[in-house]
Amino acid sequence: MGRYIIRRLIQAVFVLIVISAITFFLFWATPANPALLICGKNCNAETVAQVNATYGFDKPLIVQYGQYMQGLVSPGGRTIGSEGSERNCPWPCFGESYQNGIPVWNSIKDAFPSTLWLAVGAAVLWLVAGVLLGLIAALRKGKFIDKFSVGLALFGVSFPTIVFGYLLLFLFIVKLDWIPFPDTANAALFTVGPVKWLQFYILPWMTLALVYAALYTRLTRANMIDTMNEDYIRTARAKGLDERTVVFKHGLRSALTPIVTIFGLDVGGLLGGAVITEQIFSITGLGKFSIDSVLSNDLPAIMGVVLFAAIFVVIANIIVDVLYAVIDPRVRLA
């Protein structure tokens, strides 16, 4: 297992390098000129030349990419700026934003807590609700609770996130006035108090959990129905094991394997930003930060968000592979 984890970590590094290279060179394939974006409307040839020298745009792309990667792998970071205005960018150096000159890593650190709480809270809701409904539906196949769960899952899958989010916002904040309008400045802070903190996140959690819980309900139901028809389940019952042990220890444990895979990827992806939900509820997280970066063609910010999100997806894949061996003994034997 140790050798396997090390091998996966090496593969993860290679994947991140490939992602960074693709993102970097795709940006330069667009017709937008970053020097013109930086200097604004009052640009002239002299100003553009100065911007190119300051940000290193006048160097070959492979050199620019090498300098960028140096800031990510070197403990000392890298030196940015033109001659006479050089300054050190500490590790991890994602560069400075073209729009405001703020280090990208600082912006990511400020935005990440909001995205973290959003992803973790929603993940707990959809995992518990989805697995529980799917399990009940599988054990009561063909009965009312099964049809109700399948219908609810179909509704959740069919309902667009943006529509459900605005519906919750209008109903609970505007119409009923049960929840105050979100205070985006203190979204990730516990210092506002647990009640206000919960009030801010409960609707975004519900918005994300509806869609994901619907998928997990259908997946859990299908896996449990298949698993409960396996020969080893019939053997366990023939040995006299009680139904609870058969369902939870032998049935559900085996059925959770594909669910763990999807759960790891979903959470890893959300940690890179839930774009639609963050926009609806004005959450200043990585999703909103990434949209603003793309709209302004801010390469350092785009690169930073893409790599940051990719790291979580890669780590989630590794954790899922390790959990396979914990959940399913057959994986350990293989």
C-alpha atoms as a PDB file:
ATOM      1  CA  MET A   1       0.000   0.000   0.000  1.00  0.00           C
ATOM      2  CA  GLY A   2       2.877   2.366   0.783  1.00  0.00           C
ATOM      3  CA  ARG A   3       4.445   1.818  -2.616  1.00  0.00           C
ATOM      4  CA  TYR A   4       1.071   2.316  -4.254  1.00  0.00           C
ATOM      5  CA  ILE A   5       0.528   5.667  -2.493  1.00  0.00           C
ATOM      6  CA  ILE A   6       3.995   6.872  -3.464  1.00  0.00           C
ATOM      7  CA  ARG A   7       3.377   5.871  -7.074  1.00  0.00           C
ATOM      8  CA  ARG A   8       0.064   7.744  -7.089  1.00  0.00           C
ATOM      9  CA  LEU A   9       1.692  10.842  -5.617  1.00  0.00           C
ATOM     10  CA  ILE A  10       4.282  10.837  -8.394  1.00  0.00           C
ATOM     11  CA  GLN A  11       1.509  10.498 -10.957  1.00  0.00           C
ATOM     12  CA  ALA A  12      -0.333  13.372  -9.275  1.00  0.00           C
ATOM     13  CA  VAL A  13       2.674  15.670  -9.671  1.00  0.00           C
ATOM     14  CA  PHE A  14       2.871  14.787 -13.364  1.00  0.00           C
ATOM     15  CA  VAL A  15      -0.857  15.481 -13.819  1.00  0.00           C
ATOM     16  CA  LEU A  16      -0.560  18.900 -12.149  1.00  0.00           C
ATOM     17  CA  ILE A  17       2.374  19.831 -14.390  1.00  0.00           C
ATOM     18  CA  VAL A  18       0.391  18.884 -17.492  1.00  0.00           C
ATOM     19  CA  ILE A  19      -2.640  20.882 -16.277  1.00  0.00           C
ATOM     20  CA  SER A  20      -0.496  23.940 -15.583  1.00  0.00           C
ATOM     21  CA  ALA A  21       1.123  23.754 -19.034  1.00  0.00           C
ATOM     22  CA  ILE A  22      -2.215  23.364 -20.839  1.00  0.00           C
ATOM     23  CA  THR A  23      -3.767  26.266 -18.924  1.00  0.00           C
ATOM     24  CA  PHE A  24      -0.749  28.508 -19.493  1.00  0.00           C
ATOM     25  CA  PHE A  25      -0.461  27.957 -23.236  1.00  0.00           C
ATOM     26  CA  LEU A  26      -4.228  28.036 -23.825  1.00  0.00           C
ATOM     27  CA  PHE A  27      -4.299  31.496 -22.277  1.00  0.00           C
ATOM     28  CA  TRP A  28      -1.684  32.739 -24.716  1.00  0.00           C
ATOM     29  CA  ALA A  29      -3.602  31.175 -27.597  1.00  0.00           C
ATOM     30  CA  THR A  30      -6.428  33.702 -27.047  1.00  0.00           C
ATOM     31  CA  PRO A  31      -6.365  36.989 -29.006  1.00  0.00           C
ATOM     32  CA  ALA A  32      -6.461  39.100 -25.823  1.00  0.00           C
ATOM     33  CA  ASN A  33      -3.287  41.083 -25.170  1.00  0.00           C
ATOM     34  CA  PRO A  34      -2.587  41.088 -21.399  1.00  0.00           C
ATOM     35  CA  ALA A  35      -0.380  44.175 -21.704  1.00  0.00           C
ATOM     36  CA  LEU A  36      -3.314  46.181 -23.076  1.00  0.00           C
ATOM     37  CA  LEU A  37      -5.560  44.874 -20.312  1.00  0.00           C
ATOM     38  CA  ILE A  38      -3.088  45.914 -17.631  1.00  0.00           C
ATOM     39  CA  CYS A  39      -2.315  49.432 -18.824  1.00  0.00           C
ATOM     40  CA  GLY A  40      -5.977  50.251 -19.471  1.00  0.00           C
ATOM     41  CA  LYS A  41      -7.473  52.734 -21.926  1.00  0.00           C
ATOM     42  CA  ASN A  42      -4.606  55.254 -21.914  1.00  0.00           C
ATOM     43  CA  CYS A  43      -2.147  52.903 -23.587  1.00  0.00           C
ATOM     44  CA  ASN A  44       0.614  53.897 -25.943  1.00  0.00           C
ATOM     45  CA  ALA A  45       3.547  52.035 -27.430  1.00  0.00           C
ATOM     46  CA  GLU A  46       5.888  53.124 -24.636  1.00  0.00           C
ATOM     47  CA  THR A  47       3.497  52.041 -21.886  1.00  0.00           C
ATOM     48  CA  VAL A  48       2.882  48.689 -23.529  1.00  0.00           C
ATOM     49  CA  ALA A  49       6.630  48.099 -23.854  1.00  0.00           C
ATOM     50  CA  GLN A  50       7.085  48.948 -20.160  1.00  0.00           C
ATOM     51  CA  VAL A  51       4.304  46.538 -19.141  1.00  0.00           C
ATOM     52  CA  ASN A  52       5.825  43.797 -21.291  1.00  0.00           C
ATOM     53  CA  ALA A  53       9.195  44.296 -19.601  1.00  0.00           C
ATOM     54  CA  THR A  54       7.679  44.448 -16.098  1.00  0.00           C
ATOM     55  CA  TYR A  55       5.684  41.229 -16.442  1.00  0.00           C
ATOM     56  CA  GLY A  56       8.134  39.425 -18.711  1.00  0.00           C
ATOM     57  CA  PHE A  57       5.746  39.264 -21.686  1.00  0.00           C
ATOM     58  CA  ASP A  58       8.631  40.054 -24.032  1.00  0.00           C
ATOM     59  CA  LYS A  59      10.315  36.728 -23.209  1.00  0.00           C
ATOM     60  CA  PRO A  60       9.622  33.424 -25.025  1.00  0.00           C
ATOM     61  CA  LEU A  61       6.597  31.530 -23.702  1.00  0.00           C
ATOM     62  CA  ILE A  62       8.657  28.553 -22.593  1.00  0.00           C
ATOM     63  CA  VAL A  63      10.836  30.894 -20.511  1.00  0.00           C
ATOM     64  CA  GLN A  64       7.782  32.539 -18.950  1.00  0.00           C
ATOM     65  CA  TYR A  65       6.320  29.140 -18.115  1.00  0.00           C
ATOM     66  CA  GLY A  66       9.613  27.986 -16.605  1.00  0.00           C
ATOM     67  CA  GLN A  67       9.780  31.077 -14.393  1.00  0.00           C
ATOM     68  CA  TYR A  68       6.179  30.539 -13.326  1.00  0.00           C
ATOM     69  CA  MET A  69       6.820  26.921 -12.336  1.00  0.00           C
ATOM     70  CA  GLN A  70       9.969  27.987 -10.493  1.00  0.00           C
ATOM     71  CA  GLY A  71       7.808  30.027  -8.140  1.00  0.00           C
ATOM     72  CA  LEU A  72       5.722  26.932  -7.357  1.00  0.00           C
ATOM     73  CA  VAL A  73       8.508  24.407  -6.773  1.00  0.00           C
ATOM     74  CA  SER A  74      11.309  26.555  -5.356  1.00  0.00           C
ATOM     75  CA  PRO A  75      11.120  27.115  -1.553  1.00  0.00           C
ATOM     76  CA  GLY A  76      12.362  30.665  -2.083  1.00  0.00           C
ATOM     77  CA  GLY A  77       9.702  31.510  -4.632  1.00  0.00           C
ATOM     78  CA  ARG A  78      10.848  33.691  -7.521  1.00  0.00           C
ATOM     79  CA  THR A  79      11.732  37.236  -8.425  1.00  0.00           C
ATOM     80  CA  ILE A  80       9.148  39.227 -10.357  1.00  0.00           C
ATOM     81  CA  GLY A  81       9.178  42.695 -11.898  1.00  0.00           C
ATOM     82  CA  SER A  82      11.544  44.481 -14.260  1.00  0.00           C
ATOM     83  CA  GLU A  83      15.081  45.630 -13.561  1.00  0.00           C
ATOM     84  CA  GLY A  84      15.083  48.324 -10.924  1.00  0.00           C
ATOM     85  CA  SER A  85      11.668  47.310  -9.545  1.00  0.00           C
ATOM     86  CA  GLU A  86      12.367  43.669  -8.732  1.00  0.00           C
ATOM     87  CA  ARG A  87      10.698  42.065  -5.733  1.00  0.00           C
ATOM     88  CA  ASN A  88      10.496  38.607  -4.266  1.00  0.00           C
ATOM     89  CA  CYS A  89       7.337  36.559  -4.591  1.00  0.00           C
ATOM     90  CA  PRO A  90       7.418  33.980  -1.744  1.00  0.00           C
ATOM     91  CA  TRP A  91       6.408  30.355  -2.209  1.00  0.00           C
ATOM     92  CA  PRO A  92       3.897  29.353  -3.432  1.00  0.00           C
ATOM     93  CA  CYS A  93       4.169  32.110  -6.010  1.00  0.00           C
ATOM     94  CA  PHE A  94       1.190  32.169  -8.348  1.00  0.00           C
ATOM     95  CA  GLY A  95       2.195  35.667  -9.392  1.00  0.00           C
ATOM     96  CA  GLU A  96       0.398  38.948  -8.901  1.00  0.00           C
ATOM     97  CA  SER A  97      -3.000  39.815 -10.306  1.00  0.00           C
ATOM     98  CA  TYR A  98      -2.918  41.888 -13.480  1.00  0.00           C
ATOM     99  CA  GLN A  99      -5.940  43.833 -12.239  1.00  0.00           C
ATOM    100  CA  ASN A 100      -5.005  44.939  -8.732  1.00  0.00           C
ATOM    101  CA  GLY A 101      -1.405  43.789  -8.170  1.00  0.00           C
ATOM    102  CA  ILE A 102      -2.396  41.636  -5.164  1.00  0.00           C
ATOM    103  CA  PRO A 103      -0.551  38.297  -4.867  1.00  0.00           C
ATOM    104  CA  VAL A 104      -2.838  35.576  -6.193  1.00  0.00           C
ATOM    105  CA  TRP A 105      -2.035  33.261  -3.276  1.00  0.00           C
ATOM    106  CA  ASN A 106      -3.336  35.875  -0.835  1.00  0.00           C
ATOM    107  CA  SER A 107      -6.601  36.156  -2.779  1.00  0.00           C
ATOM    108  CA  ILE A 108      -6.980  32.372  -2.834  1.00  0.00           C
ATOM    109  CA  LYS A 109      -6.381  32.149   0.916  1.00  0.00           C
ATOM    110  CA  ASP A 110      -9.027  34.819   1.545  1.00  0.00           C
ATOM    111  CA  ALA A 111     -11.604  33.146  -0.702  1.00  0.00           C
ATOM    112  CA  PHE A 112     -11.015  29.515   0.240  1.00  0.00           C
ATOM    113  CA  PRO A 113     -12.622  29.427   3.742  1.00  0.00           C
ATOM    114  CA  SER A 114     -16.011  30.398   2.339  1.00  0.00           C
ATOM    115  CA  THR A 115     -15.778  27.711  -0.347  1.00  0.00           C
ATOM    116  CA  LEU A 116     -14.573  25.166   2.221  1.00  0.00           C
ATOM    117  CA  TRP A 117     -17.561  25.661   4.530  1.00  0.00           C
ATOM    118  CA  LEU A 118     -19.920  25.621   1.560  1.00  0.00           C
ATOM    119  CA  ALA A 119     -18.508  22.354   0.189  1.00  0.00           C
ATOM    120  CA  VAL A 120     -18.207  20.521   3.524  1.00  0.00           C
ATOM    121  CA  GLY A 121     -21.660  21.454   4.784  1.00  0.00           C
ATOM    122  CA  ALA A 122     -23.369  20.574   1.509  1.00  0.00           C
ATOM    123  CA  ALA A 123     -21.419  17.311   1.249  1.00  0.00           C
ATOM    124  CA  VAL A 124     -22.597  16.154   4.692  1.00  0.00           C
ATOM    125  CA  LEU A 125     -26.216  16.948   3.806  1.00  0.00           C
ATOM    126  CA  TRP A 126     -26.281  15.247   0.420  1.00  0.00           C
ATOM    127  CA  LEU A 127     -24.310  12.191   1.553  1.00  0.00           C
ATOM    128  CA  VAL A 128     -26.530  11.486   4.561  1.00  0.00           C
ATOM    129  CA  ALA A 129     -29.775  12.250   2.737  1.00  0.00           C
ATOM    130  CA  GLY A 130     -28.841  10.513  -0.500  1.00  0.00           C
ATOM    131  CA  VAL A 131     -27.495   7.297   1.032  1.00  0.00           C
ATOM    132  CA  LEU A 132     -30.319   7.070   3.568  1.00  0.00           C
ATOM    133  CA  LEU A 133     -33.078   7.569   0.985  1.00  0.00           C
ATOM    134  CA  GLY A 134     -31.400   5.189  -1.447  1.00  0.00           C
ATOM    135  CA  LEU A 135     -31.005   2.524   1.232  1.00  0.00           C
ATOM    136  CA  ILE A 136     -34.625   2.780   2.340  1.00  0.00           C
ATOM    137  CA  ALA A 137     -35.832   2.707  -1.269  1.00  0.00           C
ATOM    138  CA  ALA A 138     -33.772  -0.422  -2.023  1.00  0.00           C
ATOM    139  CA  LEU A 139     -35.007  -2.273   1.066  1.00  0.00           C
ATOM    140  CA  ARG A 140     -38.631  -1.314   0.292  1.00  0.00           C
ATOM    141  CA  LYS A 141     -38.456  -1.903  -3.447  1.00  0.00           C
ATOM    142  CA  GLY A 142     -41.773  -1.461  -5.205  1.00  0.00           C
ATOM    143  CA  LYS A 143     -43.510   0.081  -2.177  1.00  0.00           C
ATOM    144  CA  PHE A 144     -44.645   3.653  -1.628  1.00  0.00           C
ATOM    145  CA  ILE A 145     -41.414   4.839   0.025  1.00  0.00           C
ATOM    146  CA  ASP A 146     -39.444   3.477  -2.920  1.00  0.00           C
ATOM    147  CA  LYS A 147     -41.589   5.286  -5.478  1.00  0.00           C
ATOM    148  CA  PHE A 148     -41.530   8.466  -3.387  1.00  0.00           C
ATOM    149  CA  SER A 149     -37.728   8.409  -3.112  1.00  0.00           C
ATOM    150  CA  VAL A 150     -37.264   7.761  -6.830  1.00  0.00           C
ATOM    151  CA  GLY A 151     -39.708  10.563  -7.673  1.00  0.00           C
ATOM    152  CA  LEU A 152     -37.943  12.954  -5.302  1.00  0.00           C
ATOM    153  CA  ALA A 153     -34.584  12.036  -6.831  1.00  0.00           C
ATOM    154  CA  LEU A 154     -35.943  12.618 -10.340  1.00  0.00           C
ATOM    155  CA  PHE A 155     -37.229  16.026  -9.235  1.00  0.00           C
ATOM    156  CA  GLY A 156     -33.852  16.953  -7.783  1.00  0.00           C
ATOM    157  CA  VAL A 157     -31.931  15.884 -10.878  1.00  0.00           C
ATOM    158  CA  SER A 158     -34.315  17.738 -13.193  1.00  0.00           C
ATOM    159  CA  PHE A 159     -34.394  20.988 -11.192  1.00  0.00           C
ATOM    160  CA  PRO A 160     -31.666  23.449 -12.279  1.00  0.00           C
ATOM    161  CA  THR A 161     -29.410  24.627  -9.468  1.00  0.00           C
ATOM    162  CA  ILE A 162     -29.787  28.277 -10.391  1.00  0.00           C
ATOM    163  CA  VAL A 163     -33.601  28.078 -10.309  1.00  0.00           C
ATOM    164  CA  PHE A 164     -33.707  26.238  -6.982  1.00  0.00           C
ATOM    165  CA  GLY A 165     -31.174  28.632  -5.450  1.00  0.00           C
ATOM    166  CA  TYR A 166     -33.099  31.758  -6.402  1.00  0.00           C
ATOM    167  CA  LEU A 167     -36.352  30.088  -5.327  1.00  0.00           C
ATOM    168  CA  LEU A 168     -34.946  29.430  -1.834  1.00  0.00           C
ATOM    169  CA  LEU A 169     -33.540  32.947  -1.662  1.00  0.00           C
ATOM    170  CA  PHE A 170     -36.874  34.513  -2.627  1.00  0.00           C
ATOM    171  CA  LEU A 171     -38.952  32.272  -0.355  1.00  0.00           C
ATOM    172  CA  PHE A 172     -36.946  32.325   2.891  1.00  0.00           C
ATOM    173  CA  ILE A 173     -35.242  35.739   2.652  1.00  0.00           C
ATOM    174  CA  VAL A 174     -37.542  37.990   0.619  1.00  0.00           C
ATOM    175  CA  LYS A 175     -41.022  36.546   1.107  1.00  0.00           C
ATOM    176  CA  LEU A 176     -41.028  34.934   4.555  1.00  0.00           C
ATOM    177  CA  ASP A 177     -38.133  36.968   5.981  1.00  0.00           C
ATOM    178  CA  TRP A 178     -37.043  34.014   8.116  1.00  0.00           C
ATOM    179  CA  ILE A 179     -33.358  34.511   7.295  1.00  0.00           C
ATOM    180  CA  PRO A 180     -31.557  37.863   7.006  1.00  0.00           C
ATOM    181  CA  PHE A 181     -29.867  38.737   3.740  1.00  0.00           C
ATOM    182  CA  PRO A 182     -26.352  37.224   3.657  1.00  0.00           C
ATOM    183  CA  ASP A 183     -23.493  39.236   5.130  1.00  0.00           C
ATOM    184  CA  THR A 184     -20.822  38.366   2.568  1.00  0.00           C
ATOM    185  CA  ALA A 185     -18.048  40.113   4.458  1.00  0.00           C
ATOM    186  CA  ASN A 186     -18.305  37.718   7.407  1.00  0.00           C
ATOM    187  CA  ALA A 187     -19.408  34.590   5.603  1.00  0.00           C
ATOM    188  CA  ALA A 188     -16.555  32.366   6.735  1.00  0.00           C
ATOM    189  CA  LEU A 189     -16.125  33.747  10.247  1.00  0.00           C
ATOM    190  CA  PHE A 190     -17.371  32.019  13.388  1.00  0.00           C
ATOM    191  CA  THR A 191     -16.945  35.304  15.253  1.00  0.00           C
ATOM    192  CA  VAL A 192     -20.354  36.455  14.009  1.00  0.00           C
ATOM    193  CA  GLY A 193     -21.891  33.714  16.121  1.00  0.00           C
ATOM    194  CA  PRO A 194     -23.061  30.203  15.235  1.00  0.00           C
ATOM    195  CA  VAL A 195     -26.646  31.271  14.512  1.00  0.00           C
ATOM    196  CA  LYS A 196     -25.748  33.985  11.989  1.00  0.00           C
ATOM    197  CA  TRP A 197     -23.075  31.758  10.472  1.00  0.00           C
ATOM    198  CA  LEU A 198     -25.592  28.949  10.024  1.00  0.00           C
ATOM    199  CA  GLN A 199     -28.176  31.352   8.598  1.00  0.00           C
ATOM    200  CA  PHE A 200     -25.730  32.382   5.912  1.00  0.00           C
ATOM    201  CA  TYR A 201     -24.847  28.866   4.787  1.00  0.00           C
ATOM    202  CA  ILE A 202     -28.072  26.901   5.218  1.00  0.00           C
ATOM    203  CA  LEU A 203     -29.640  27.964   1.901  1.00  0.00           C
ATOM    204  CA  PRO A 204     -26.470  27.427  -0.182  1.00  0.00           C
ATOM    205  CA  TRP A 205     -26.085  24.006   1.467  1.00  0.00           C
ATOM    206  CA  MET A 206     -29.662  23.099   0.572  1.00  0.00           C
ATOM    207  CA  THR A 207     -29.178  24.314  -3.007  1.00  0.00           C
ATOM    208  CA  LEU A 208     -26.153  22.108  -3.602  1.00  0.00           C
ATOM    209  CA  ALA A 209     -27.474  19.188  -1.571  1.00  0.00           C
ATOM    210  CA  LEU A 210     -30.694  18.873  -3.590  1.00  0.00           C
ATOM    211  CA  VAL A 211     -28.975  18.010  -6.875  1.00  0.00           C
ATOM    212  CA  TYR A 212     -26.237  15.845  -5.387  1.00  0.00           C
ATOM    213  CA  ALA A 213     -28.534  14.011  -2.962  1.00  0.00           C
ATOM    214  CA  ALA A 214     -30.791  13.073  -5.869  1.00  0.00           C
ATOM    215  CA  LEU A 215     -27.887  11.463  -7.716  1.00  0.00           C
ATOM    216  CA  TYR A 216     -26.692   9.643  -4.602  1.00  0.00           C
ATOM    217  CA  THR A 217     -30.196   8.347  -3.896  1.00  0.00           C
ATOM    218  CA  ARG A 218     -30.477   6.752  -7.317  1.00  0.00           C
ATOM    219  CA  LEU A 219     -26.942   5.365  -7.190  1.00  0.00           C
ATOM    220  CA  THR A 220     -27.335   3.920  -3.676  1.00  0.00           C
ATOM    221  CA  ARG A 221     -30.669   2.338  -4.542  1.00  0.00           C
ATOM    222  CA  ALA A 222     -29.338   0.681  -7.701  1.00  0.00           C
ATOM    223  CA  ASN A 223     -26.171  -0.589  -5.991  1.00  0.00           C
ATOM    224  CA  MET A 224     -28.035  -1.930  -2.958  1.00  0.00           C
ATOM    225  CA  ILE A 225     -30.584  -3.792  -5.095  1.00  0.00           C
ATOM    226  CA  ASP A 226     -27.765  -5.457  -7.066  1.00  0.00           C
ATOM    227  CA  THR A 227     -25.748  -6.221  -3.937  1.00  0.00           C
ATOM    228  CA  MET A 228     -28.631  -7.751  -1.986  1.00  0.00           C
ATOM    229  CA  ASN A 229     -29.123 -10.264  -4.799  1.00  0.00           C
ATOM    230  CA  GLU A 230     -25.525 -11.512  -4.615  1.00  0.00           C
ATOM    231  CA  ASP A 231     -24.721 -15.073  -3.535  1.00  0.00           C
ATOM    232  CA  TYR A 232     -22.742 -14.017  -0.466  1.00  0.00           C
ATOM    233  CA  ILE A 233     -25.783 -12.138   0.860  1.00  0.00           C
ATOM    234  CA  ARG A 234     -27.878 -15.294   0.590  1.00  0.00           C
ATOM    235  CA  THR A 235     -25.064 -17.219   2.286  1.00  0.00           C
ATOM    236  CA  ALA A 236     -24.956 -14.698   5.138  1.00  0.00           C
ATOM    237  CA  ARG A 237     -28.697 -15.087   5.676  1.00  0.00           C
ATOM    238  CA  ALA A 238     -28.451 -18.877   5.473  1.00  0.00           C
ATOM    239  CA  LYS A 239     -25.827 -18.785   8.234  1.00  0.00           C
ATOM    240  CA  GLY A 240     -28.391 -17.194  10.517  1.00  0.00           C
ATOM    241  CA  LEU A 241     -27.044 -13.641  10.650  1.00  0.00           C
ATOM    242  CA  ASP A 242     -29.608 -11.050  11.648  1.00  0.00           C
ATOM    243  CA  GLU A 243     -30.952  -8.805   8.892  1.00  0.00           C
ATOM    244  CA  ARG A 244     -29.294  -5.684  10.286  1.00  0.00           C
ATOM    245  CA  THR A 245     -25.833  -7.264  10.045  1.00  0.00           C
ATOM    246  CA  VAL A 246     -26.575  -8.559   6.544  1.00  0.00           C
ATOM    247  CA  VAL A 247     -27.755  -5.142   5.314  1.00  0.00           C
ATOM    248  CA  PHE A 248     -25.183  -2.844   6.895  1.00  0.00           C
ATOM    249  CA  LYS A 249     -22.055  -4.989   7.246  1.00  0.00           C
ATOM    250  CA  HIS A 250     -22.288  -7.045   4.075  1.00  0.00           C
ATOM    251  CA  GLY A 251     -24.689  -5.183   1.785  1.00  0.00           C
ATOM    252  CA  LEU A 252     -24.209  -1.461   2.317  1.00  0.00           C
ATOM    253  CA  ARG A 253     -20.464  -1.739   2.806  1.00  0.00           C
ATOM    254  CA  SER A 254     -20.068  -3.319  -0.612  1.00  0.00           C
ATOM    255  CA  ALA A 255     -22.521  -0.938  -2.267  1.00  0.00           C
ATOM    256  CA  LEU A 256     -20.635   2.102  -0.967  1.00  0.00           C
ATOM    257  CA  THR A 257     -17.573   1.520  -3.160  1.00  0.00           C
ATOM    258  CA  PRO A 258     -18.779   3.428  -6.259  1.00  0.00           C
ATOM    259  CA  ILE A 259     -20.417   6.042  -4.020  1.00  0.00           C
ATOM    260  CA  VAL A 260     -17.078   6.766  -2.368  1.00  0.00           C
ATOM    261  CA  THR A 261     -15.564   7.320  -5.800  1.00  0.00           C
ATOM    262  CA  ILE A 262     -18.142   9.871  -6.849  1.00  0.00           C
ATOM    263  CA  PHE A 263     -18.203  11.527  -3.426  1.00  0.00           C
ATOM    264  CA  GLY A 264     -14.453  12.114  -3.486  1.00  0.00           C
ATOM    265  CA  LEU A 265     -14.569  13.651  -6.954  1.00  0.00           C
ATOM    266  CA  ASP A 266     -17.623  15.794  -6.132  1.00  0.00           C
ATOM    267  CA  VAL A 267     -16.133  17.224  -2.949  1.00  0.00           C
ATOM    268  CA  GLY A 268     -12.754  17.743  -4.625  1.00  0.00           C
ATOM    269  CA  GLY A 269     -14.431  19.621  -7.461  1.00  0.00           C
ATOM    270  CA  LEU A 270     -16.508  21.779  -5.111  1.00  0.00           C
ATOM    271  CA  LEU A 271     -13.419  22.793  -3.152  1.00  0.00           C
ATOM    272  CA  GLY A 272     -12.312  24.492  -6.348  1.00  0.00           C
ATOM    273  CA  GLY A 273     -15.437  26.639  -6.211  1.00  0.00           C
ATOM    274  CA  ALA A 274     -19.190  26.209  -6.655  1.00  0.00           C
ATOM    275  CA  VAL A 275     -19.611  28.880  -9.306  1.00  0.00           C
ATOM    276  CA  ILE A 276     -23.411  29.089  -9.649  1.00  0.00           C
ATOM    277  CA  THR A 277     -24.231  28.770  -5.946  1.00  0.00           C
ATOM    278  CA  GLU A 278     -21.597  31.305  -4.922  1.00  0.00           C
ATOM    279  CA  GLN A 279     -22.933  33.782  -7.472  1.00  0.00           C
ATOM    280  CA  ILE A 280     -26.554  33.340  -6.320  1.00  0.00           C
ATOM    281  CA  PHE A 281     -25.823  33.890  -2.623  1.00  0.00           C
ATOM    282  CA  SER A 282     -22.982  36.412  -3.111  1.00  0.00           C
ATOM    283  CA  ILE A 283     -20.408  34.144  -1.487  1.00  0.00           C
ATOM    284  CA  THR A 284     -16.928  35.547  -2.014  1.00  0.00           C
ATOM    285  CA  GLY A 285     -15.351  32.143  -2.570  1.00  0.00           C
ATOM    286  CA  LEU A 286     -13.149  30.558  -5.197  1.00  0.00           C
ATOM    287  CA  GLY A 287     -16.027  30.166  -7.652  1.00  0.00           C
ATOM    288  CA  LYS A 288     -16.712  33.898  -7.764  1.00  0.00           C
ATOM    289  CA  PHE A 289     -12.985  34.617  -7.805  1.00  0.00           C
ATOM    290  CA  SER A 290     -12.475  32.315 -10.786  1.00  0.00           C
ATOM    291  CA  ILE A 291     -15.326  33.915 -12.769  1.00  0.00           C
ATOM    292  CA  ASP A 292     -13.952  37.407 -12.141  1.00  0.00           C
ATOM    293  CA  SER A 293     -10.489  36.221 -13.202  1.00  0.00           C
ATOM    294  CA  VAL A 294     -11.731  34.700 -16.458  1.00  0.00           C
ATOM    295  CA  LEU A 295     -13.782  37.776 -17.369  1.00  0.00           C
ATOM    296  CA  SER A 296     -10.741  40.013 -16.871  1.00  0.00           C
ATOM    297  CA  ASN A 297      -8.261  37.612 -18.576  1.00  0.00           C
ATOM    298  CA  ASP A 298      -6.155  37.642 -15.432  1.00  0.00           C
ATOM    299  CA  LEU A 299      -3.673  34.831 -16.172  1.00  0.00           C
ATOM    300  CA  PRO A 300      -2.021  34.546 -12.715  1.00  0.00           C
ATOM    301  CA  ALA A 301      -5.421  34.364 -11.027  1.00  0.00           C
ATOM    302  CA  ILE A 302      -6.752  31.838 -13.556  1.00  0.00           C
ATOM    303  CA  MET A 303      -3.649  29.668 -13.208  1.00  0.00           C
ATOM    304  CA  GLY A 304      -3.842  29.847  -9.434  1.00  0.00           C
ATOM    305  CA  VAL A 305      -7.486  28.780  -9.212  1.00  0.00           C
ATOM    306  CA  VAL A 306      -7.099  26.010 -11.807  1.00  0.00           C
ATOM    307  CA  LEU A 307      -4.064  24.496 -10.086  1.00  0.00           C
ATOM    308  CA  PHE A 308      -5.597  24.899  -6.628  1.00  0.00           C
ATOM    309  CA  ALA A 309      -8.774  23.113  -7.741  1.00  0.00           C
ATOM    310  CA  ALA A 310      -6.775  20.428  -9.563  1.00  0.00           C
ATOM    311  CA  ILE A 311      -4.803  19.686  -6.401  1.00  0.00           C
ATOM    312  CA  PHE A 312      -8.010  18.874  -4.521  1.00  0.00           C
ATOM    313  CA  VAL A 313      -9.339  16.673  -7.322  1.00  0.00           C
ATOM    314  CA  VAL A 314      -6.059  14.741  -7.494  1.00  0.00           C
ATOM    315  CA  ILE A 315      -5.876  14.357  -3.705  1.00  0.00           C
ATOM    316  CA  ALA A 316      -9.509  13.226  -3.639  1.00  0.00           C
ATOM    317  CA  ASN A 317      -8.689  10.512  -6.198  1.00  0.00           C
ATOM    318  CA  ILE A 318      -5.807   9.244  -4.074  1.00  0.00           C
ATOM    319  CA  ILE A 319      -7.903   9.214  -0.890  1.00  0.00           C
ATOM    320  CA  VAL A 320     -10.700   7.356  -2.687  1.00  0.00           C
ATOM    321  CA  ASP A 321      -8.298   4.676  -3.910  1.00  0.00           C
ATOM    322  CA  VAL A 322      -6.984   4.184  -0.376  1.00  0.00           C
ATOM    323  CA  LEU A 323     -10.507   4.024   1.063  1.00  0.00           C
ATOM    324  CA  TYR A 324     -11.354   1.246  -1.378  1.00  0.00           C
ATOM    325  CA  ALA A 325      -9.060  -1.075   0.556  1.00  0.00           C
ATOM    326  CA  VAL A 326     -10.700  -0.076   3.842  1.00  0.00           C
ATOM    327  CA  ILE A 327     -14.272  -0.562   2.627  1.00  0.00           C
ATOM    328  CA  ASP A 328     -13.895  -3.625   0.423  1.00  0.00           C
ATOM    329  CA  PRO A 329     -11.565  -6.478   1.545  1.00  0.00           C
ATOM    330  CA  ARG A 330     -11.497  -7.777  -2.035  1.00  0.00           C
ATOM    331  CA  VAL A 331      -9.477  -4.710  -3.062  1.00  0.00           C
ATOM    332  CA  ARG A 332      -6.859  -5.454  -0.394  1.00  0.00           C
ATOM    333  CA  LEU A 333      -6.528  -9.017  -1.658  1.00  0.00           C
ATOM    334  CA  ALA A 334      -6.139  -7.779  -5.226  1.00  0.00           C
END
